[in-house]
Amino acid sequence: MRRYYLLGLICLQLACADEKPDFTGNTPIKINDFNKIFKAASLPIALSDTNLKQLTDTLIIGRKALVQFVPEAIVEQIVRKTDKKTFLYPILRIEKEQEYYLLLRVQHLNSFEICVVVFSKKNKFLDYKVITEFKDENKGSRRYGKVLNINKEPSFLVEENKMNEDNSLIYEKKGWAYSDSSFRLIYFDSNKKPENTKVINPLDTLPMNNSFSGDYARDAKNFISIRDYITPNKLEFFMHFERDNANCSGELKGIMTLTKNTAIYTEKGDACIIHFKIAANQISIKEDGNCGNHRNMTCYFNNTYDKKRKSKKKK
């Protein structure tokens, strides 16, 4: 009788050991188990809409699972809580000395995005970036191509090429890298003419409890948005400008360090330094250093913007 009891106990332990974690997020997941579903990347590597299917795991990650390791406000920007037609799939994991990167496939109805989420070695969320989007309508086209090249640093270079009817080539190259506290644009080259489209503000839904947080603007395409950060002496910002019929434009997302009513943006590996002065509901911006990676070479971020009043919530 004792032998049957021991045999049953062993079978139960083996069954529990073989039980796979539930990645829907309906139950708690260990982050080490979560990380294992991302294949270790061998860099450099090139990703396109034609080869990504081979690298993407068929396992679906529930939104609730991602929220266990990434702040809710960030996950909302990747996939909205009300969106039931978008699915998350694991692609690759990139291990570095100070941090690691998880690449997600964000699958929409007629397109998919590649999102990179960065964690410290202590599994603390650091930042994220939706690197690029691949549309189904362009797949297999002889006149259009897009590739995401990831090198060993890692940096993420998106190369997009389109052949016009007159056989002229339109191209755009954007390079992104994570430096200290956030992703930033490290390379840009294009012969595209700017389109008259709405600027997407990636910080739009984030908290504004700090007295300096808010939106400072001249119009919809010339503004700086400031939002709360983890520590009170730092603020997150996103600024965009377009002048001279969009022939002169720039964009930068980063962290500013506060000293009373002044602040500075400076990051390791980025030659761009920017000084901010906030007074009387107005912010002044002045460049110091080389910010050419974030704007056209012939114009500057230097400007002054007035603070917009917060819209009152309807009762």
Foldseek 3Di string as FASTA:
>chain_A
DVVVVVVVVVVVVVVVVPDQDDQQLPDDDDVVSVQVQAAADDPFDKDFPVCQVVQWDPDWGHLNNVCNQDPPLLSCLLPNPPDPQWTKIWGHKYDDDFKIKTWIWTDHDFKIWIKIWIAGPVSHTFEMDRPDMDGNVCPPDPFWTWMWTAGNVGKTKIWIWGQDPVRDIWIWIWIWDDFDRYIWTDAIDTPDDDDPDFDDDSCVPAAQPDPPAAKFADDRFFIKGWHDDPDRQKIWMKGKHADDNNPWIFITTDMWGHDPQKTWDDTPPAQWIKIWGDDPQKIFIDTDGDPCSTIPPPDDSTDMTGGDDDDDDDD
